Amino acid sequence: MEYTEAEKKQFMQEALKEAKKAQVKDEVPIGAVIVLDRSIVGRGHNLRETTQNATTHAEMIAIQDANKQLENWRLEDCDLFVTLEPCAMCSGAMILSRIRKVYYGAPDPKGGTVESIFNLLDEDKFNHRVTYERGVLEEECGEILTEFFRNLRKRNKQKKQLQNDEKNRI
């Protein structure tokens, strides 16, 4: 199934809504949705800080939600829209759950395993191949992350300055 450009943007906007939910929780703002027959069947956003669980990435939560909604671990006719290029764990989960295609917004030069570091999805030794498309709303997806980390660095700098001021008073 091919989506129109408008449909791709619509589904990525839904993933961005999930990313904003993460941002409100002071999580790295990454969001994902899973689509079957042009309907969203799974949603997720980063919850690693909230849960203190390294596996609660947006894609993992969206896959689990879709598994539950569809009552099936196989997501063969489903597509995943995610705001940031998936990591090795999430790429592996997409292969294992048999996602048909992943659409991602921004590349992840430090952890992406679709195109940035290496391409796990094109590995022909797996019994399933996930196709992919980069760059759906790339600018918007990248900007929410850039803004989050800019603000985080600013808060950390202010916190450090307050700590130094406290030490100097003693």
N, C-alpha and C. Protein backbone atom coordinates (compact mmCIF):
# COMPACT_ATOMS: atom_id res chain seq x y z
N MET A 1 0.84 -1.18 0.00
CA MET A 1 0.00 0.00 0.00
C MET A 1 0.89 1.24 0.00
N GLU A 2 0.65 2.10 -0.91
CA GLU A 2 1.38 3.37 -0.96
C GLU A 2 0.48 4.47 -0.43
N TYR A 3 1.11 5.37 0.28
CA TYR A 3 0.40 6.52 0.83
C TYR A 3 0.67 7.74 -0.04
N THR A 4 -0.28 8.65 -0.06
CA THR A 4 -0.03 9.93 -0.71
C THR A 4 0.89 10.74 0.19
N GLU A 5 1.50 11.77 -0.35
CA GLU A 5 2.35 12.64 0.47
C GLU A 5 1.55 13.25 1.62
N ALA A 6 0.31 13.61 1.35
CA ALA A 6 -0.56 14.18 2.39
C ALA A 6 -0.81 13.16 3.51
N GLU A 7 -1.02 11.90 3.15
CA GLU A 7 -1.24 10.86 4.17
C GLU A 7 0.01 10.63 5.00
N LYS A 8 1.16 10.61 4.35
CA LYS A 8 2.42 10.44 5.08
C LYS A 8 2.59 11.56 6.10
N LYS A 9 2.33 12.78 5.67
CA LYS A 9 2.46 13.93 6.57
C LYS A 9 1.44 13.84 7.70
N GLN A 10 0.23 13.41 7.40
CA GLN A 10 -0.82 13.28 8.42
C GLN A 10 -0.40 12.28 9.50
N PHE A 11 0.12 11.13 9.09
CA PHE A 11 0.53 10.12 10.06
C PHE A 11 1.78 10.56 10.84
N MET A 12 2.69 11.27 10.17
CA MET A 12 3.85 11.77 10.90
C MET A 12 3.44 12.87 11.87
N GLN A 13 2.43 13.64 11.53
CA GLN A 13 1.91 14.65 12.48
C GLN A 13 1.38 13.95 13.73
N GLU A 14 0.76 12.78 13.56
CA GLU A 14 0.29 12.01 14.71
C GLU A 14 1.46 11.52 15.55
N ALA A 15 2.54 11.12 14.88
CA ALA A 15 3.75 10.71 15.61
C ALA A 15 4.34 11.91 16.36
N LEU A 16 4.30 13.08 15.75
CA LEU A 16 4.77 14.30 16.42
C LEU A 16 3.92 14.63 17.64
N LYS A 17 2.62 14.37 17.56
CA LYS A 17 1.76 14.57 18.74
C LYS A 17 2.22 13.67 19.88
N GLU A 18 2.60 12.45 19.55
CA GLU A 18 3.13 11.53 20.57
C GLU A 18 4.44 12.06 21.12
N ALA A 19 5.29 12.60 20.25
CA ALA A 19 6.57 13.16 20.70
C ALA A 19 6.34 14.30 21.69
N LYS A 20 5.33 15.11 21.42
CA LYS A 20 5.01 16.22 22.32
C LYS A 20 4.53 15.72 23.68
N LYS A 21 3.86 14.58 23.70
CA LYS A 21 3.46 13.97 24.98
C LYS A 21 4.70 13.59 25.78
N ALA A 22 5.70 13.06 25.09
CA ALA A 22 6.96 12.72 25.77
C ALA A 22 7.63 13.99 26.29
N GLN A 23 7.64 15.02 25.50
CA GLN A 23 8.30 16.27 25.87
C GLN A 23 7.69 16.86 27.14
N VAL A 24 6.37 16.80 27.26
CA VAL A 24 5.67 17.30 28.45
C VAL A 24 6.13 16.56 29.70
N LYS A 25 6.50 15.29 29.52
CA LYS A 25 6.97 14.45 30.64
C LYS A 25 8.48 14.58 30.85
N ASP A 26 9.10 15.51 30.16
CA ASP A 26 10.55 15.73 30.21
C ASP A 26 11.32 14.52 29.69
N GLU A 27 10.72 13.84 28.75
CA GLU A 27 11.35 12.72 28.04
C GLU A 27 11.89 13.23 26.71
N VAL A 28 12.86 12.53 26.15
CA VAL A 28 13.32 12.88 24.80
C VAL A 28 12.10 12.75 23.87
N PRO A 29 11.76 13.82 23.15
CA PRO A 29 10.52 13.84 22.38
C PRO A 29 10.57 13.04 21.07
N ILE A 30 10.30 11.76 21.21
CA ILE A 30 10.20 10.87 20.06
C ILE A 30 8.84 10.21 20.13
N GLY A 31 8.15 10.17 19.00
CA GLY A 31 6.83 9.57 18.95
C GLY A 31 6.69 8.64 17.76
N ALA A 32 5.75 7.70 17.89
CA ALA A 32 5.53 6.72 16.82
C ALA A 32 4.05 6.33 16.76
N VAL A 33 3.61 6.02 15.55
CA VAL A 33 2.29 5.43 15.35
C VAL A 33 2.41 4.28 14.37
N ILE A 34 1.53 3.31 14.53
CA ILE A 34 1.48 2.17 13.60
C ILE A 34 0.14 2.24 12.87
N VAL A 35 0.22 2.05 11.56
CA VAL A 35 -0.94 2.23 10.69
C VAL A 35 -1.26 0.93 9.97
N LEU A 36 -2.54 0.57 9.98
CA LEU A 36 -3.06 -0.57 9.22
C LEU A 36 -4.27 -0.09 8.45
N ASP A 37 -4.27 -0.30 7.15
CA ASP A 37 -5.39 0.12 6.30
C ASP A 37 -5.77 1.58 6.52
N ARG A 38 -4.75 2.41 6.62
CA ARG A 38 -4.90 3.87 6.77
C ARG A 38 -5.56 4.28 8.10
N SER A 39 -5.53 3.39 9.08
CA SER A 39 -6.02 3.71 10.43
C SER A 39 -4.91 3.44 11.44
N ILE A 40 -4.81 4.29 12.45
CA ILE A 40 -3.81 4.11 13.49
C ILE A 40 -4.26 3.01 14.44
N VAL A 41 -3.40 1.99 14.61
CA VAL A 41 -3.70 0.86 15.49
C VAL A 41 -2.74 0.76 16.67
N GLY A 42 -1.74 1.64 16.71
CA GLY A 42 -0.78 1.64 17.81
C GLY A 42 -0.13 3.00 17.93
N ARG A 43 0.10 3.40 19.18
CA ARG A 43 0.72 4.69 19.47
C ARG A 43 1.76 4.51 20.55
N GLY A 44 2.80 5.35 20.52
CA GLY A 44 3.78 5.31 21.59
C GLY A 44 4.66 6.53 21.58
N HIS A 45 5.20 6.83 22.75
CA HIS A 45 6.19 7.89 22.89
C HIS A 45 7.20 7.46 23.95
N ASN A 46 8.38 8.05 23.88
CA ASN A 46 9.45 7.69 24.80
C ASN A 46 9.00 7.79 26.25
N LEU A 47 9.38 6.79 27.05
CA LEU A 47 9.08 6.79 28.48
C LEU A 47 10.25 6.26 29.30
N ARG A 48 11.46 6.33 28.78
CA ARG A 48 12.61 5.75 29.48
C ARG A 48 12.85 6.39 30.84
N GLU A 49 12.78 7.69 30.94
CA GLU A 49 13.01 8.36 32.22
C GLU A 49 11.88 8.06 33.20
N THR A 50 10.66 8.09 32.70
CA THR A 50 9.48 7.84 33.54
C THR A 50 9.49 6.43 34.11
N THR A 51 9.82 5.47 33.27
CA THR A 51 9.77 4.06 33.69
C THR A 51 11.11 3.54 34.20
N GLN A 52 12.18 4.29 33.92
CA GLN A 52 13.55 3.82 34.22
C GLN A 52 13.76 2.44 33.58
N ASN A 53 13.28 2.33 32.35
CA ASN A 53 13.36 1.09 31.58
C ASN A 53 13.92 1.43 30.20
N ALA A 54 15.07 0.88 29.89
CA ALA A 54 15.76 1.20 28.63
C ALA A 54 14.99 0.75 27.39
N THR A 55 14.02 -0.13 27.54
CA THR A 55 13.29 -0.65 26.37
C THR A 55 12.03 0.13 26.05
N THR A 56 11.70 1.16 26.81
CA THR A 56 10.45 1.87 26.55
C THR A 56 10.64 3.03 25.57
N HIS A 57 11.13 2.66 24.39
CA HIS A 57 11.23 3.60 23.28
C HIS A 57 9.85 3.73 22.63
N ALA A 58 9.64 4.81 21.91
CA ALA A 58 8.36 5.08 21.26
C ALA A 58 7.92 3.93 20.36
N GLU A 59 8.86 3.41 19.56
CA GLU A 59 8.51 2.33 18.63
C GLU A 59 8.09 1.07 19.36
N MET A 60 8.80 0.75 20.44
CA MET A 60 8.49 -0.47 21.21
C MET A 60 7.09 -0.38 21.81
N ILE A 61 6.76 0.78 22.35
CA ILE A 61 5.43 0.97 22.95
C ILE A 61 4.35 0.92 21.87
N ALA A 62 4.61 1.53 20.72
CA ALA A 62 3.63 1.51 19.62
C ALA A 62 3.43 0.08 19.11
N ILE A 63 4.51 -0.69 19.00
CA ILE A 63 4.39 -2.09 18.56
C ILE A 63 3.56 -2.88 19.56
N GLN A 64 3.85 -2.71 20.85
CA GLN A 64 3.08 -3.42 21.87
C GLN A 64 1.61 -3.02 21.84
N ASP A 65 1.34 -1.74 21.63
CA ASP A 65 -0.05 -1.27 21.55
C ASP A 65 -0.76 -1.89 20.35
N ALA A 66 -0.09 -1.93 19.21
CA ALA A 66 -0.69 -2.53 18.01
C ALA A 66 -0.89 -4.03 18.21
N ASN A 67 0.06 -4.72 18.82
CA ASN A 67 -0.10 -6.16 19.11
C ASN A 67 -1.36 -6.38 19.93
N LYS A 68 -1.54 -5.54 20.93
CA LYS A 68 -2.70 -5.67 21.82
C LYS A 68 -4.00 -5.36 21.07
N GLN A 69 -4.00 -4.26 20.32
CA GLN A 69 -5.21 -3.85 19.59
C GLN A 69 -5.63 -4.90 18.56
N LEU A 70 -4.64 -5.47 17.88
CA LEU A 70 -4.92 -6.42 16.81
C LEU A 70 -4.97 -7.87 17.31
N GLU A 71 -4.57 -8.07 18.57
CA GLU A 71 -4.49 -9.41 19.16
C GLU A 71 -3.64 -10.33 18.28
N ASN A 72 -2.48 -9.80 17.88
CA ASN A 72 -1.59 -10.55 17.00
C ASN A 72 -0.19 -9.98 17.14
N TRP A 73 0.80 -10.84 17.26
CA TRP A 73 2.18 -10.36 17.34
C TRP A 73 2.72 -10.02 15.95
N ARG A 74 2.08 -10.56 14.92
CA ARG A 74 2.51 -10.26 13.55
C ARG A 74 1.84 -8.98 13.06
N LEU A 75 2.65 -8.05 12.59
CA LEU A 75 2.14 -6.78 12.09
C LEU A 75 2.49 -6.64 10.60
N GLU A 76 2.26 -7.73 9.87
CA GLU A 76 2.71 -7.84 8.47
C GLU A 76 2.15 -6.77 7.54
N ASP A 77 0.96 -6.33 7.76
CA ASP A 77 0.36 -5.34 6.87
C ASP A 77 0.40 -3.94 7.46
N CYS A 78 1.21 -3.77 8.48
CA CYS A 78 1.29 -2.49 9.20
C CYS A 78 2.54 -1.71 8.82
N ASP A 79 2.41 -0.39 8.91
CA ASP A 79 3.52 0.52 8.68
C ASP A 79 3.73 1.35 9.93
N LEU A 80 4.99 1.70 10.19
CA LEU A 80 5.34 2.48 11.38
C LEU A 80 5.83 3.85 10.95
N PHE A 81 5.31 4.88 11.59
CA PHE A 81 5.76 6.25 11.37
C PHE A 81 6.41 6.70 12.67
N VAL A 82 7.66 7.13 12.61
CA VAL A 82 8.39 7.52 13.81
C VAL A 82 9.20 8.78 13.52
N THR A 83 9.31 9.63 14.52
CA THR A 83 9.93 10.94 14.31
C THR A 83 11.44 10.90 14.18
N LEU A 84 12.09 9.85 14.71
CA LEU A 84 13.55 9.73 14.64
C LEU A 84 13.93 8.35 14.11
N GLU A 85 14.98 8.30 13.35
CA GLU A 85 15.49 7.04 12.81
C GLU A 85 15.65 6.00 13.94
N PRO A 86 15.10 4.81 13.77
CA PRO A 86 15.15 3.79 14.82
C PRO A 86 16.56 3.29 15.15
N CYS A 87 16.70 2.89 16.43
CA CYS A 87 17.94 2.30 16.94
C CYS A 87 17.95 0.80 16.62
N ALA A 88 19.00 0.12 17.05
CA ALA A 88 19.13 -1.32 16.79
C ALA A 88 18.00 -2.12 17.44
N MET A 89 17.66 -1.79 18.69
CA MET A 89 16.59 -2.51 19.37
C MET A 89 15.26 -2.36 18.62
N CYS A 90 14.94 -1.15 18.25
CA CYS A 90 13.66 -0.90 17.59
C CYS A 90 13.64 -1.46 16.17
N SER A 91 14.76 -1.38 15.46
CA SER A 91 14.84 -1.99 14.13
C SER A 91 14.65 -3.50 14.25
N GLY A 92 15.28 -4.10 15.26
CA GLY A 92 15.10 -5.53 15.50
C GLY A 92 13.66 -5.89 15.80
N ALA A 93 13.01 -5.07 16.62
CA ALA A 93 11.60 -5.32 16.95
C ALA A 93 10.71 -5.20 15.72
N MET A 94 11.04 -4.27 14.83
CA MET A 94 10.26 -4.13 13.59
C MET A 94 10.41 -5.38 12.72
N ILE A 95 11.63 -5.89 12.65
CA ILE A 95 11.86 -7.12 11.88
C ILE A 95 11.09 -8.27 12.49
N LEU A 96 11.22 -8.44 13.81
CA LEU A 96 10.58 -9.57 14.49
C LEU A 96 9.05 -9.50 14.46
N SER A 97 8.51 -8.29 14.49
CA SER A 97 7.05 -8.15 14.44
C SER A 97 6.54 -8.08 13.00
N ARG A 98 7.47 -8.08 12.07
CA ARG A 98 7.16 -8.12 10.64
C ARG A 98 6.43 -6.88 10.11
N ILE A 99 6.84 -5.72 10.66
CA ILE A 99 6.34 -4.45 10.13
C ILE A 99 6.67 -4.40 8.64
N ARG A 100 5.76 -3.88 7.84
CA ARG A 100 5.97 -3.83 6.40
C ARG A 100 6.94 -2.71 6.01
N LYS A 101 6.69 -1.49 6.53
CA LYS A 101 7.53 -0.35 6.15
C LYS A 101 7.61 0.63 7.31
N VAL A 102 8.77 1.26 7.45
CA VAL A 102 8.94 2.33 8.43
C VAL A 102 9.21 3.63 7.69
N TYR A 103 8.50 4.66 8.13
CA TYR A 103 8.71 6.02 7.64
C TYR A 103 9.28 6.79 8.82
N TYR A 104 10.44 7.42 8.64
CA TYR A 104 10.98 8.19 9.75
C TYR A 104 11.31 9.60 9.32
N GLY A 105 11.26 10.49 10.32
CA GLY A 105 11.49 11.90 10.05
C GLY A 105 12.95 12.25 10.00
N ALA A 106 13.55 12.43 11.17
CA ALA A 106 14.94 12.89 11.25
C ALA A 106 15.91 11.72 11.34
N PRO A 107 17.10 11.87 10.74
CA PRO A 107 18.13 10.84 10.89
C PRO A 107 18.73 10.91 12.29
N ASP A 108 19.32 9.80 12.73
CA ASP A 108 20.01 9.76 14.03
C ASP A 108 21.45 9.33 13.80
N PRO A 109 22.36 10.29 13.60
CA PRO A 109 23.74 9.95 13.29
C PRO A 109 24.47 9.21 14.41
N LYS A 110 23.96 9.27 15.64
CA LYS A 110 24.62 8.61 16.77
C LYS A 110 24.05 7.22 17.07
N GLY A 111 22.84 6.93 16.63
CA GLY A 111 22.25 5.65 17.00
C GLY A 111 21.34 5.02 15.97
N GLY A 112 21.18 5.66 14.82
CA GLY A 112 20.25 5.15 13.81
C GLY A 112 20.77 3.92 13.08
N THR A 113 19.90 2.92 12.96
CA THR A 113 20.32 1.68 12.29
C THR A 113 19.45 1.37 11.08
N VAL A 114 18.93 2.42 10.46
CA VAL A 114 18.25 2.25 9.17
C VAL A 114 19.19 2.71 8.06
N GLU A 115 19.87 3.83 8.29
CA GLU A 115 20.82 4.32 7.30
C GLU A 115 22.07 4.96 7.91
N SER A 116 21.99 5.51 9.10
CA SER A 116 23.08 6.34 9.64
C SER A 116 24.33 5.56 10.03
N ILE A 117 24.23 4.67 11.01
CA ILE A 117 25.41 3.92 11.46
C ILE A 117 25.63 2.71 10.55
N PHE A 118 24.58 1.95 10.35
CA PHE A 118 24.54 0.85 9.39
C PHE A 118 23.09 0.56 9.11
N ASN A 119 22.81 -0.35 8.22
CA ASN A 119 21.44 -0.62 7.85
C ASN A 119 21.04 -2.03 8.25
N LEU A 120 20.42 -2.14 9.39
CA LEU A 120 19.94 -3.42 9.89
C LEU A 120 18.76 -3.94 9.05
N LEU A 121 17.96 -3.02 8.54
CA LEU A 121 16.75 -3.43 7.82
C LEU A 121 17.04 -4.06 6.46
N ASP A 122 18.20 -3.77 5.89
CA ASP A 122 18.57 -4.37 4.60
C ASP A 122 19.38 -5.65 4.76
N GLU A 123 19.60 -6.10 5.98
CA GLU A 123 20.37 -7.32 6.23
C GLU A 123 19.60 -8.52 5.67
N ASP A 124 20.18 -9.19 4.68
CA ASP A 124 19.47 -10.28 4.01
C ASP A 124 19.48 -11.61 4.77
N LYS A 125 20.16 -11.66 5.90
CA LYS A 125 20.18 -12.91 6.68
C LYS A 125 18.91 -13.08 7.52
N PHE A 126 18.16 -12.00 7.71
CA PHE A 126 16.89 -12.10 8.45
C PHE A 126 15.81 -12.68 7.53
N ASN A 127 14.79 -13.29 8.15
CA ASN A 127 13.71 -13.88 7.36
C ASN A 127 12.66 -12.86 6.94
N HIS A 128 12.80 -11.61 7.38
CA HIS A 128 11.84 -10.57 7.01
C HIS A 128 12.61 -9.28 6.74
N ARG A 129 12.18 -8.56 5.74
CA ARG A 129 12.79 -7.28 5.40
C ARG A 129 11.75 -6.18 5.60
N VAL A 130 12.15 -5.13 6.27
CA VAL A 130 11.31 -3.96 6.46
C VAL A 130 11.80 -2.89 5.48
N THR A 131 10.93 -2.40 4.64
CA THR A 131 11.33 -1.32 3.75
C THR A 131 11.24 -0.01 4.53
N TYR A 132 11.79 1.05 3.97
CA TYR A 132 11.86 2.29 4.73
C TYR A 132 11.87 3.50 3.82
N GLU A 133 11.48 4.62 4.42
CA GLU A 133 11.54 5.91 3.73
C GLU A 133 11.93 6.97 4.75
N ARG A 134 12.92 7.73 4.42
CA ARG A 134 13.43 8.79 5.31
C ARG A 134 12.87 10.14 4.90
N GLY A 135 12.76 11.03 5.89
CA GLY A 135 12.55 12.43 5.58
C GLY A 135 11.12 12.94 5.60
N VAL A 136 10.16 12.16 6.10
CA VAL A 136 8.79 12.66 6.19
C VAL A 136 8.76 13.69 7.33
N LEU A 137 8.46 14.93 7.00
CA LEU A 137 8.48 16.06 7.95
C LEU A 137 9.80 16.11 8.72
N GLU A 138 10.90 15.88 8.02
CA GLU A 138 12.22 15.82 8.64
C GLU A 138 12.55 17.07 9.44
N GLU A 139 12.25 18.23 8.89
CA GLU A 139 12.60 19.47 9.59
C GLU A 139 11.86 19.59 10.92
N GLU A 140 10.54 19.33 10.92
CA GLU A 140 9.75 19.41 12.15
C GLU A 140 10.21 18.37 13.18
N CYS A 141 10.49 17.17 12.71
CA CYS A 141 10.94 16.09 13.59
C CYS A 141 12.30 16.41 14.19
N GLY A 142 13.18 16.98 13.41
CA GLY A 142 14.50 17.35 13.92
C GLY A 142 14.43 18.54 14.86
N GLU A 143 13.57 19.50 14.57
CA GLU A 143 13.50 20.72 15.37
C GLU A 143 13.01 20.45 16.79
N ILE A 144 12.05 19.57 16.96
CA ILE A 144 11.56 19.29 18.31
C ILE A 144 12.67 18.69 19.18
N LEU A 145 13.52 17.88 18.56
CA LEU A 145 14.66 17.29 19.29
C LEU A 145 15.73 18.35 19.57
N THR A 146 16.05 19.16 18.59
CA THR A 146 17.05 20.21 18.76
C THR A 146 16.63 21.16 19.88
N GLU A 147 15.37 21.56 19.88
CA GLU A 147 14.85 22.47 20.92
C GLU A 147 14.91 21.81 22.30
N PHE A 148 14.54 20.53 22.37
CA PHE A 148 14.56 19.81 23.65
C PHE A 148 15.98 19.79 24.23
N PHE A 149 16.96 19.40 23.42
CA PHE A 149 18.33 19.30 23.91
C PHE A 149 18.95 20.67 24.19
N ARG A 150 18.57 21.68 23.43
CA ARG A 150 19.03 23.05 23.70
C ARG A 150 18.53 23.48 25.09
N ASN A 151 17.25 23.25 25.36
CA ASN A 151 16.67 23.62 26.65
C ASN A 151 17.26 22.79 27.78
N LEU A 152 17.53 21.52 27.52
CA LEU A 152 18.13 20.66 28.54
C LEU A 152 19.52 21.16 28.92
N ARG A 153 20.33 21.48 27.92
CA ARG A 153 21.67 22.01 28.19
C ARG A 153 21.58 23.31 28.98
N LYS A 154 20.64 24.16 28.63
CA LYS A 154 20.45 25.45 29.32
C LYS A 154 20.07 25.20 30.78
N ARG A 155 19.12 24.28 31.02
CA ARG A 155 18.71 23.97 32.39
C ARG A 155 19.87 23.38 33.19
N ASN A 156 20.63 22.49 32.56
CA ASN A 156 21.76 21.87 33.24
C ASN A 156 22.83 22.91 33.58
N LYS A 157 23.06 23.86 32.69
CA LYS A 157 24.03 24.92 32.94
C LYS A 157 23.56 25.79 34.11
N GLN A 158 22.28 26.13 34.12
CA GLN A 158 21.73 26.93 35.22
C GLN A 158 21.82 26.17 36.55
N LYS A 159 21.54 24.90 36.52
CA LYS A 159 21.61 24.08 37.72
C LYS A 159 23.04 24.04 38.26
N LYS A 160 23.98 23.86 37.36
CA LYS A 160 25.39 23.82 37.76
C LYS A 160 25.82 25.16 38.34
N GLN A 161 25.36 26.25 37.73
CA GLN A 161 25.68 27.58 38.23
C GLN A 161 25.12 27.79 39.63
N LEU A 162 23.90 27.34 39.87
CA LEU A 162 23.29 27.45 41.20
C LEU A 162 24.08 26.64 42.23
N GLN A 163 24.52 25.45 41.83
CA GLN A 163 25.32 24.63 42.74
C GLN A 163 26.65 25.31 43.07
N ASN A 164 27.27 25.90 42.06
CA ASN A 164 28.54 26.61 42.28
C ASN A 164 28.32 27.83 43.18
N ASP A 165 27.22 28.54 42.97
CA ASP A 165 26.89 29.69 43.82
C ASP A 165 26.71 29.26 45.26
N GLU A 166 26.04 28.13 45.46
CA GLU A 166 25.83 27.58 46.81
C GLU A 166 27.16 27.27 47.47
N LYS A 167 28.04 26.61 46.75
CA LYS A 167 29.36 26.25 47.28
C LYS A 167 30.16 27.49 47.67
N ASN A 168 30.05 28.54 46.86
CA ASN A 168 30.81 29.77 47.12
C ASN A 168 30.28 30.53 48.33
N ARG A 169 29.02 30.32 48.68
CA ARG A 169 28.43 30.98 49.86
C ARG A 169 28.89 30.34 51.16
N ILE A 170 29.26 29.08 51.08
CA ILE A 170 29.62 28.33 52.30
C ILE A 170 31.00 28.68 52.78
